[in-house]
């Protein structure tokens, strides 16, 4: 019997509505079925460009803190100009 922790897959990303500032950072986020929340802080920002030989991926990720203290990971799909929330 193994005592190693099991990896669990990430949930499928959900489309969200995001209003951005002039630098492209989120100002407000509206999750499905919820009221829009103000973004209090952007903690991290990183970009992934991958798999050009199969199906290209080009995304800008951000870990954000909402005004109610909730922490979310969002990504902006640069190929289809849509925003998603990625939940664990």
C-alpha atoms as a PDB file:
ATOM      1  CA  UNK A   1       0.000   0.000   0.000  1.00  0.00           C
ATOM      2  CA  UNK A   2       1.405   3.384  -0.996  1.00  0.00           C
ATOM      3  CA  UNK A   3       1.368   6.366   1.349  1.00  0.00           C
ATOM      4  CA  UNK A   4       2.007   8.832  -1.476  1.00  0.00           C
ATOM      5  CA  UNK A   5      -0.721  11.409  -1.982  1.00  0.00           C
ATOM      6  CA  UNK A   6      -2.924  10.829  -4.998  1.00  0.00           C
ATOM      7  CA  UNK A   7      -3.087  13.479  -7.660  1.00  0.00           C
ATOM      8  CA  UNK A   8      -6.545  14.659  -8.532  1.00  0.00           C
ATOM      9  CA  UNK A   9      -7.365  16.177 -11.906  1.00  0.00           C
ATOM     10  CA  UNK A  10      -8.284  19.834 -12.196  1.00  0.00           C
ATOM     11  CA  UNK A  11     -11.921  20.642 -12.812  1.00  0.00           C
ATOM     12  CA  UNK A  12     -12.838  21.813 -16.293  1.00  0.00           C
ATOM     13  CA  UNK A  13     -12.359  25.583 -16.619  1.00  0.00           C
ATOM     14  CA  UNK A  14     -15.512  27.709 -16.660  1.00  0.00           C
ATOM     15  CA  UNK A  15     -16.020  30.808 -18.776  1.00  0.00           C
ATOM     16  CA  UNK A  16     -16.154  34.059 -16.790  1.00  0.00           C
ATOM     17  CA  UNK A  17     -16.823  37.682 -17.672  1.00  0.00           C
ATOM     18  CA  UNK A  18     -13.872  39.960 -16.930  1.00  0.00           C
ATOM     19  CA  UNK A  19     -13.471  43.729 -17.177  1.00  0.00           C
ATOM     20  CA  UNK A  20      -9.811  44.708 -17.560  1.00  0.00           C
ATOM     21  CA  UNK A  21      -7.686  47.822 -17.060  1.00  0.00           C
ATOM     22  CA  UNK A  22      -5.376  49.435 -19.641  1.00  0.00           C
ATOM     23  CA  UNK A  23      -2.614  46.897 -18.806  1.00  0.00           C
ATOM     24  CA  UNK A  24      -4.910  43.915 -19.359  1.00  0.00           C
ATOM     25  CA  UNK A  25      -5.289  43.060 -15.664  1.00  0.00           C
ATOM     26  CA  UNK A  26      -8.741  42.166 -14.313  1.00  0.00           C
ATOM     27  CA  UNK A  27     -10.707  44.882 -12.495  1.00  0.00           C
ATOM     28  CA  UNK A  28     -13.997  42.985 -12.082  1.00  0.00           C
ATOM     29  CA  UNK A  29     -14.881  39.295 -12.463  1.00  0.00           C
ATOM     30  CA  UNK A  30     -18.335  37.776 -12.803  1.00  0.00           C
ATOM     31  CA  UNK A  31     -18.456  34.035 -12.153  1.00  0.00           C
ATOM     32  CA  UNK A  32     -21.308  31.993 -13.679  1.00  0.00           C
ATOM     33  CA  UNK A  33     -24.535  32.715 -11.797  1.00  0.00           C
ATOM     34  CA  UNK A  34     -22.890  35.269  -9.474  1.00  0.00           C
ATOM     35  CA  UNK A  35     -22.706  39.037  -9.101  1.00  0.00           C
ATOM     36  CA  UNK A  36     -19.560  40.753 -10.412  1.00  0.00           C
ATOM     37  CA  UNK A  37     -16.813  41.177  -7.791  1.00  0.00           C
ATOM     38  CA  UNK A  38     -14.025  43.755  -7.710  1.00  0.00           C
ATOM     39  CA  UNK A  39     -10.464  42.437  -7.964  1.00  0.00           C
ATOM     40  CA  UNK A  40      -8.554  43.623  -4.877  1.00  0.00           C
ATOM     41  CA  UNK A  41      -5.130  42.331  -5.968  1.00  0.00           C
ATOM     42  CA  UNK A  42      -3.291  40.375  -8.647  1.00  0.00           C
ATOM     43  CA  UNK A  43      -0.837  38.093  -6.822  1.00  0.00           C
ATOM     44  CA  UNK A  44       0.850  36.335  -9.742  1.00  0.00           C
ATOM     45  CA  UNK A  45       0.925  36.516 -13.507  1.00  0.00           C
ATOM     46  CA  UNK A  46       2.445  34.034 -15.954  1.00  0.00           C
ATOM     47  CA  UNK A  47       2.100  32.984 -19.579  1.00  0.00           C
ATOM     48  CA  UNK A  48       2.028  29.602 -21.280  1.00  0.00           C
ATOM     49  CA  UNK A  49       2.586  29.082 -25.010  1.00  0.00           C
ATOM     50  CA  UNK A  50       2.704  25.401 -25.895  1.00  0.00           C
ATOM     51  CA  UNK A  51       1.909  22.572 -28.287  1.00  0.00           C
ATOM     52  CA  UNK A  52       2.343  24.516 -31.499  1.00  0.00           C
ATOM     53  CA  UNK A  53       2.847  21.178 -33.290  1.00  0.00           C
ATOM     54  CA  UNK A  54      -0.651  19.888 -32.299  1.00  0.00           C
ATOM     55  CA  UNK A  55      -3.217  22.375 -31.046  1.00  0.00           C
ATOM     56  CA  UNK A  56      -1.683  25.667 -30.027  1.00  0.00           C
ATOM     57  CA  UNK A  57      -2.153  26.968 -26.472  1.00  0.00           C
ATOM     58  CA  UNK A  58      -1.484  30.604 -25.642  1.00  0.00           C
ATOM     59  CA  UNK A  59      -2.726  31.730 -22.228  1.00  0.00           C
ATOM     60  CA  UNK A  60      -2.006  34.413 -19.650  1.00  0.00           C
ATOM     61  CA  UNK A  61      -2.742  33.205 -16.123  1.00  0.00           C
ATOM     62  CA  UNK A  62      -3.350  35.333 -13.033  1.00  0.00           C
ATOM     63  CA  UNK A  63      -3.897  34.449  -9.408  1.00  0.00           C
ATOM     64  CA  UNK A  64      -6.236  37.116  -8.078  1.00  0.00           C
ATOM     65  CA  UNK A  65      -7.835  38.110  -4.783  1.00  0.00           C
ATOM     66  CA  UNK A  66     -11.430  39.357  -4.914  1.00  0.00           C
ATOM     67  CA  UNK A  67     -12.829  42.051  -2.627  1.00  0.00           C
ATOM     68  CA  UNK A  68     -14.473  39.342  -0.482  1.00  0.00           C
ATOM     69  CA  UNK A  69     -11.104  37.594   0.082  1.00  0.00           C
ATOM     70  CA  UNK A  70     -11.688  34.717  -2.371  1.00  0.00           C
ATOM     71  CA  UNK A  71      -8.561  33.642  -4.280  1.00  0.00           C
ATOM     72  CA  UNK A  72      -9.010  32.503  -7.890  1.00  0.00           C
ATOM     73  CA  UNK A  73      -6.838  31.443 -10.786  1.00  0.00           C
ATOM     74  CA  UNK A  74      -7.995  32.996 -14.046  1.00  0.00           C
ATOM     75  CA  UNK A  75      -6.612  32.629 -17.513  1.00  0.00           C
ATOM     76  CA  UNK A  76      -7.096  34.657 -20.651  1.00  0.00           C
ATOM     77  CA  UNK A  77      -7.076  32.452 -23.747  1.00  0.00           C
ATOM     78  CA  UNK A  78      -5.181  34.627 -26.193  1.00  0.00           C
ATOM     79  CA  UNK A  79      -6.299  32.569 -29.185  1.00  0.00           C
ATOM     80  CA  UNK A  80     -10.051  33.016 -28.685  1.00  0.00           C
ATOM     81  CA  UNK A  81      -9.947  36.135 -26.427  1.00  0.00           C
ATOM     82  CA  UNK A  82     -12.018  34.434 -23.694  1.00  0.00           C
ATOM     83  CA  UNK A  83     -11.498  34.379 -19.917  1.00  0.00           C
ATOM     84  CA  UNK A  84     -11.798  31.283 -17.711  1.00  0.00           C
ATOM     85  CA  UNK A  85     -11.597  30.401 -14.028  1.00  0.00           C
ATOM     86  CA  UNK A  86      -9.534  27.293 -13.246  1.00  0.00           C
ATOM     87  CA  UNK A  87     -10.574  25.485 -10.069  1.00  0.00           C
ATOM     88  CA  UNK A  88      -8.771  22.666  -8.378  1.00  0.00           C
END
